[in-house]
């Protein structure tokens, strides 16, 4: 059994969503934790749980961030944590895996599918520790979680797209 310790300095969770039907608004969550248990040599057996502080959302725009934290979107005051609980991991190729996970936002839980790229294992030249990395990508429909606020555009369509593309990278020290 390996112990995985998240290196938050070399990890991140980002997202993007269509804005005004013509561009993308991007952002990230600044505070999160990912707990991984299992054997680094058997990735399909790993247990994965992630928690994200909903109030830590950042799009580099204070007004938009405040709106995203409000009841129109995440309602971060009442629903402080976004949870991701891995259900299964299936090997697709030497570097690619499919993660099926339960995602909970605002007390609504749905099953989602993510692509996980395993970046291998390396030795840190600074302290000799063993490190590993994973890149995770997926797409969720925000409306399935009660994040339904929107505004119709005069030219057709809506201000905010339904689909949110997620992109995360995680580095762990493995012992």
C-alpha atoms as a PDB file:
ATOM      1  CA  UNK A   1       0.000   0.000   0.000  1.00  0.00           C
ATOM      2  CA  UNK A   2       1.436   3.337  -1.071  1.00  0.00           C
ATOM      3  CA  UNK A   3       0.894   6.613   0.757  1.00  0.00           C
ATOM      4  CA  UNK A   4       0.124   9.484  -1.652  1.00  0.00           C
ATOM      5  CA  UNK A   5       0.693  13.018  -0.380  1.00  0.00           C
ATOM      6  CA  UNK A   6      -0.669  15.781  -2.610  1.00  0.00           C
ATOM      7  CA  UNK A   7       1.890  18.415  -3.638  1.00  0.00           C
ATOM      8  CA  UNK A   8      -0.453  21.416  -3.837  1.00  0.00           C
ATOM      9  CA  UNK A   9       2.270  23.676  -5.227  1.00  0.00           C
ATOM     10  CA  UNK A  10       2.462  21.513  -8.357  1.00  0.00           C
ATOM     11  CA  UNK A  11      -1.262  20.757  -8.681  1.00  0.00           C
ATOM     12  CA  UNK A  12      -4.294  22.665  -9.916  1.00  0.00           C
ATOM     13  CA  UNK A  13      -7.964  22.435 -10.859  1.00  0.00           C
ATOM     14  CA  UNK A  14      -9.180  24.606 -13.727  1.00  0.00           C
ATOM     15  CA  UNK A  15     -12.344  24.985 -15.779  1.00  0.00           C
ATOM     16  CA  UNK A  16     -13.730  26.804 -18.783  1.00  0.00           C
ATOM     17  CA  UNK A  17     -17.254  27.530 -19.983  1.00  0.00           C
ATOM     18  CA  UNK A  18     -18.633  29.244 -23.084  1.00  0.00           C
ATOM     19  CA  UNK A  19     -19.339  32.934 -22.599  1.00  0.00           C
ATOM     20  CA  UNK A  20     -21.774  34.869 -24.811  1.00  0.00           C
ATOM     21  CA  UNK A  21     -21.659  31.978 -27.313  1.00  0.00           C
ATOM     22  CA  UNK A  22     -18.388  33.297 -28.789  1.00  0.00           C
ATOM     23  CA  UNK A  23     -15.586  32.887 -26.249  1.00  0.00           C
ATOM     24  CA  UNK A  24     -14.634  31.030 -23.072  1.00  0.00           C
ATOM     25  CA  UNK A  25     -14.504  32.192 -19.480  1.00  0.00           C
ATOM     26  CA  UNK A  26     -11.767  30.408 -17.542  1.00  0.00           C
ATOM     27  CA  UNK A  27     -11.096  29.954 -13.880  1.00  0.00           C
ATOM     28  CA  UNK A  28      -9.727  27.742 -11.151  1.00  0.00           C
ATOM     29  CA  UNK A  29     -10.339  26.546  -7.631  1.00  0.00           C
ATOM     30  CA  UNK A  30      -7.559  27.646  -5.306  1.00  0.00           C
ATOM     31  CA  UNK A  31      -8.288  25.364  -2.298  1.00  0.00           C
ATOM     32  CA  UNK A  32      -8.708  21.620  -2.709  1.00  0.00           C
ATOM     33  CA  UNK A  33      -7.444  18.304  -1.451  1.00  0.00           C
ATOM     34  CA  UNK A  34      -7.112  14.938  -3.137  1.00  0.00           C
ATOM     35  CA  UNK A  35      -6.765  11.754  -1.108  1.00  0.00           C
ATOM     36  CA  UNK A  36      -5.414   8.714  -2.929  1.00  0.00           C
ATOM     37  CA  UNK A  37      -4.971   5.270  -1.403  1.00  0.00           C
ATOM     38  CA  UNK A  38      -3.630   2.108  -2.981  1.00  0.00           C
ATOM     39  CA  UNK A  39      -0.686   0.647  -4.827  1.00  0.00           C
ATOM     40  CA  UNK A  40       1.177   2.826  -7.352  1.00  0.00           C
ATOM     41  CA  UNK A  41       1.738  -0.383  -9.370  1.00  0.00           C
ATOM     42  CA  UNK A  42      -2.021  -1.078  -9.596  1.00  0.00           C
ATOM     43  CA  UNK A  43      -3.717   2.158 -10.635  1.00  0.00           C
ATOM     44  CA  UNK A  44      -7.027   0.389 -11.310  1.00  0.00           C
ATOM     45  CA  UNK A  45      -7.221  -0.373  -7.596  1.00  0.00           C
ATOM     46  CA  UNK A  46      -6.688   3.196  -6.377  1.00  0.00           C
ATOM     47  CA  UNK A  47      -9.280   4.834  -4.143  1.00  0.00           C
ATOM     48  CA  UNK A  48      -9.679   8.521  -4.960  1.00  0.00           C
ATOM     49  CA  UNK A  49     -11.557  11.219  -3.053  1.00  0.00           C
ATOM     50  CA  UNK A  50     -11.325  14.927  -3.748  1.00  0.00           C
ATOM     51  CA  UNK A  51     -12.795  17.900  -1.937  1.00  0.00           C
ATOM     52  CA  UNK A  52     -12.917  21.388  -3.369  1.00  0.00           C
ATOM     53  CA  UNK A  53     -13.677  24.567  -1.428  1.00  0.00           C
ATOM     54  CA  UNK A  54     -16.478  26.135  -3.524  1.00  0.00           C
ATOM     55  CA  UNK A  55     -15.677  29.624  -2.185  1.00  0.00           C
ATOM     56  CA  UNK A  56     -12.122  29.340  -3.534  1.00  0.00           C
ATOM     57  CA  UNK A  57     -13.328  29.816  -7.123  1.00  0.00           C
ATOM     58  CA  UNK A  58     -11.278  32.420  -8.978  1.00  0.00           C
ATOM     59  CA  UNK A  59     -11.745  33.827 -12.474  1.00  0.00           C
ATOM     60  CA  UNK A  60      -9.561  36.919 -11.950  1.00  0.00           C
ATOM     61  CA  UNK A  61     -12.715  39.041 -11.784  1.00  0.00           C
ATOM     62  CA  UNK A  62     -13.991  39.890  -8.288  1.00  0.00           C
ATOM     63  CA  UNK A  63     -17.545  40.696  -9.417  1.00  0.00           C
ATOM     64  CA  UNK A  64     -17.884  37.449 -11.372  1.00  0.00           C
ATOM     65  CA  UNK A  65     -16.308  35.445  -8.529  1.00  0.00           C
ATOM     66  CA  UNK A  66     -18.833  36.925  -6.100  1.00  0.00           C
ATOM     67  CA  UNK A  67     -21.681  36.005  -8.440  1.00  0.00           C
ATOM     68  CA  UNK A  68     -20.347  32.441  -8.804  1.00  0.00           C
ATOM     69  CA  UNK A  69     -20.204  32.103  -4.990  1.00  0.00           C
ATOM     70  CA  UNK A  70     -23.791  33.381  -4.659  1.00  0.00           C
ATOM     71  CA  UNK A  71     -27.033  31.371  -4.591  1.00  0.00           C
ATOM     72  CA  UNK A  72     -27.304  31.872  -8.389  1.00  0.00           C
ATOM     73  CA  UNK A  73     -24.475  29.361  -8.791  1.00  0.00           C
ATOM     74  CA  UNK A  74     -22.510  27.498  -6.080  1.00  0.00           C
ATOM     75  CA  UNK A  75     -24.233  29.035  -3.023  1.00  0.00           C
ATOM     76  CA  UNK A  76     -20.870  28.606  -1.298  1.00  0.00           C
ATOM     77  CA  UNK A  77     -22.179  29.881   2.030  1.00  0.00           C
ATOM     78  CA  UNK A  78     -24.594  26.932   2.317  1.00  0.00           C
ATOM     79  CA  UNK A  79     -22.747  24.348   0.176  1.00  0.00           C
ATOM     80  CA  UNK A  80     -19.113  24.832   1.027  1.00  0.00           C
ATOM     81  CA  UNK A  81     -17.634  21.678  -0.479  1.00  0.00           C
ATOM     82  CA  UNK A  82     -17.660  20.060  -3.900  1.00  0.00           C
ATOM     83  CA  UNK A  83     -16.944  16.344  -3.574  1.00  0.00           C
ATOM     84  CA  UNK A  84     -15.594  13.808  -6.043  1.00  0.00           C
ATOM     85  CA  UNK A  85     -15.562  10.153  -5.060  1.00  0.00           C
ATOM     86  CA  UNK A  86     -13.930   7.689  -7.436  1.00  0.00           C
ATOM     87  CA  UNK A  87     -16.038   4.609  -8.155  1.00  0.00           C
ATOM     88  CA  UNK A  88     -13.849   2.789 -10.676  1.00  0.00           C
ATOM     89  CA  UNK A  89     -10.694   3.206 -12.724  1.00  0.00           C
ATOM     90  CA  UNK A  90     -10.257   1.330 -15.983  1.00  0.00           C
ATOM     91  CA  UNK A  91      -7.024   1.121 -17.978  1.00  0.00           C
ATOM     92  CA  UNK A  92      -7.452   2.275 -21.582  1.00  0.00           C
ATOM     93  CA  UNK A  93      -3.759   2.278 -22.565  1.00  0.00           C
ATOM     94  CA  UNK A  94      -0.354   2.444 -20.840  1.00  0.00           C
ATOM     95  CA  UNK A  95      -0.886   6.101 -19.974  1.00  0.00           C
ATOM     96  CA  UNK A  96      -4.658   6.598 -20.194  1.00  0.00           C
ATOM     97  CA  UNK A  97      -7.355   5.569 -17.747  1.00  0.00           C
ATOM     98  CA  UNK A  98     -11.078   6.174 -17.422  1.00  0.00           C
ATOM     99  CA  UNK A  99     -12.300   7.333 -14.015  1.00  0.00           C
ATOM    100  CA  UNK A 100     -15.962   6.974 -13.111  1.00  0.00           C
ATOM    101  CA  UNK A 101     -16.761   9.195 -10.131  1.00  0.00           C
ATOM    102  CA  UNK A 102     -19.646  10.499  -8.097  1.00  0.00           C
ATOM    103  CA  UNK A 103     -19.591  14.295  -8.222  1.00  0.00           C
ATOM    104  CA  UNK A 104     -21.563  16.240  -5.614  1.00  0.00           C
ATOM    105  CA  UNK A 105     -22.291  19.950  -6.019  1.00  0.00           C
ATOM    106  CA  UNK A 106     -24.947  21.670  -3.876  1.00  0.00           C
ATOM    107  CA  UNK A 107     -26.034  18.291  -2.447  1.00  0.00           C
ATOM    108  CA  UNK A 108     -26.788  16.971  -5.958  1.00  0.00           C
ATOM    109  CA  UNK A 109     -24.797  13.867  -6.893  1.00  0.00           C
ATOM    110  CA  UNK A 110     -24.292  12.572 -10.437  1.00  0.00           C
ATOM    111  CA  UNK A 111     -22.037   9.969 -11.995  1.00  0.00           C
ATOM    112  CA  UNK A 112     -19.421  11.501 -14.300  1.00  0.00           C
ATOM    113  CA  UNK A 113     -16.660  10.131 -16.514  1.00  0.00           C
ATOM    114  CA  UNK A 114     -13.131  11.588 -16.615  1.00  0.00           C
ATOM    115  CA  UNK A 115     -10.045  10.800 -18.654  1.00  0.00           C
ATOM    116  CA  UNK A 116      -6.921  10.370 -16.533  1.00  0.00           C
ATOM    117  CA  UNK A 117      -3.442  10.516 -18.039  1.00  0.00           C
ATOM    118  CA  UNK A 118      -0.809   8.824 -15.889  1.00  0.00           C
ATOM    119  CA  UNK A 119       2.467  10.750 -16.179  1.00  0.00           C
ATOM    120  CA  UNK A 120       4.649   8.030 -14.675  1.00  0.00           C
ATOM    121  CA  UNK A 121       6.907   7.913 -11.646  1.00  0.00           C
ATOM    122  CA  UNK A 122      10.104   9.884 -11.057  1.00  0.00           C
ATOM    123  CA  UNK A 123      12.668  10.663  -8.356  1.00  0.00           C
ATOM    124  CA  UNK A 124      12.839  14.204  -7.033  1.00  0.00           C
ATOM    125  CA  UNK A 125      16.521  15.276  -7.381  1.00  0.00           C
ATOM    126  CA  UNK A 126      16.166  17.680  -4.440  1.00  0.00           C
ATOM    127  CA  UNK A 127      15.240  15.145  -1.752  1.00  0.00           C
ATOM    128  CA  UNK A 128      15.200  11.718  -3.428  1.00  0.00           C
ATOM    129  CA  UNK A 129      11.459  11.219  -2.902  1.00  0.00           C
ATOM    130  CA  UNK A 130       9.327   9.314  -5.387  1.00  0.00           C
ATOM    131  CA  UNK A 131       6.769  11.461  -7.222  1.00  0.00           C
ATOM    132  CA  UNK A 132       3.957  10.705  -9.635  1.00  0.00           C
ATOM    133  CA  UNK A 133       1.532  12.809 -11.611  1.00  0.00           C
ATOM    134  CA  UNK A 134      -1.887  12.633 -13.189  1.00  0.00           C
ATOM    135  CA  UNK A 135      -3.721  14.925 -15.609  1.00  0.00           C
ATOM    136  CA  UNK A 136      -7.511  14.723 -15.453  1.00  0.00           C
ATOM    137  CA  UNK A 137      -9.998  16.030 -18.015  1.00  0.00           C
ATOM    138  CA  UNK A 138     -13.746  15.871 -18.276  1.00  0.00           C
ATOM    139  CA  UNK A 139     -16.931  17.741 -18.999  1.00  0.00           C
ATOM    140  CA  UNK A 140     -20.030  18.181 -16.859  1.00  0.00           C
ATOM    141  CA  UNK A 141     -23.371  19.845 -17.494  1.00  0.00           C
ATOM    142  CA  UNK A 142     -23.651  22.497 -14.766  1.00  0.00           C
ATOM    143  CA  UNK A 143     -27.453  22.492 -14.963  1.00  0.00           C
ATOM    144  CA  UNK A 144     -27.496  18.877 -13.713  1.00  0.00           C
ATOM    145  CA  UNK A 145     -26.256  20.295 -10.380  1.00  0.00           C
ATOM    146  CA  UNK A 146     -28.748  23.123 -10.045  1.00  0.00           C
ATOM    147  CA  UNK A 147     -26.358  25.744 -11.455  1.00  0.00           C
ATOM    148  CA  UNK A 148     -29.009  27.023 -13.847  1.00  0.00           C
ATOM    149  CA  UNK A 149     -28.685  30.824 -13.750  1.00  0.00           C
ATOM    150  CA  UNK A 150     -28.436  32.312 -17.233  1.00  0.00           C
ATOM    151  CA  UNK A 151     -29.461  35.240 -19.397  1.00  0.00           C
ATOM    152  CA  UNK A 152     -30.768  35.121 -22.969  1.00  0.00           C
ATOM    153  CA  UNK A 153     -28.779  37.035 -25.562  1.00  0.00           C
ATOM    154  CA  UNK A 154     -30.386  39.418 -28.023  1.00  0.00           C
ATOM    155  CA  UNK A 155     -28.557  37.626 -30.850  1.00  0.00           C
ATOM    156  CA  UNK A 156     -29.753  34.179 -29.727  1.00  0.00           C
ATOM    157  CA  UNK A 157     -28.312  31.700 -27.299  1.00  0.00           C
ATOM    158  CA  UNK A 158     -27.334  32.338 -23.705  1.00  0.00           C
ATOM    159  CA  UNK A 159     -24.728  34.234 -21.723  1.00  0.00           C
ATOM    160  CA  UNK A 160     -23.231  31.124 -20.037  1.00  0.00           C
ATOM    161  CA  UNK A 161     -22.852  27.691 -21.643  1.00  0.00           C
ATOM    162  CA  UNK A 162     -24.202  24.548 -19.997  1.00  0.00           C
ATOM    163  CA  UNK A 163     -21.081  22.425 -20.449  1.00  0.00           C
ATOM    164  CA  UNK A 164     -18.126  23.061 -18.165  1.00  0.00           C
ATOM    165  CA  UNK A 165     -14.802  21.593 -19.239  1.00  0.00           C
ATOM    166  CA  UNK A 166     -12.627  20.556 -16.330  1.00  0.00           C
ATOM    167  CA  UNK A 167      -8.859  20.200 -16.482  1.00  0.00           C
ATOM    168  CA  UNK A 168      -6.747  19.277 -13.482  1.00  0.00           C
ATOM    169  CA  UNK A 169      -3.199  18.218 -12.787  1.00  0.00           C
ATOM    170  CA  UNK A 170      -1.998  16.540  -9.624  1.00  0.00           C
ATOM    171  CA  UNK A 171       1.467  15.703  -8.354  1.00  0.00           C
ATOM    172  CA  UNK A 172       1.921  13.353  -5.408  1.00  0.00           C
ATOM    173  CA  UNK A 173       4.838  12.268  -3.280  1.00  0.00           C
ATOM    174  CA  UNK A 174       4.543   8.479  -2.971  1.00  0.00           C
ATOM    175  CA  UNK A 175       5.936   6.532  -0.035  1.00  0.00           C
END
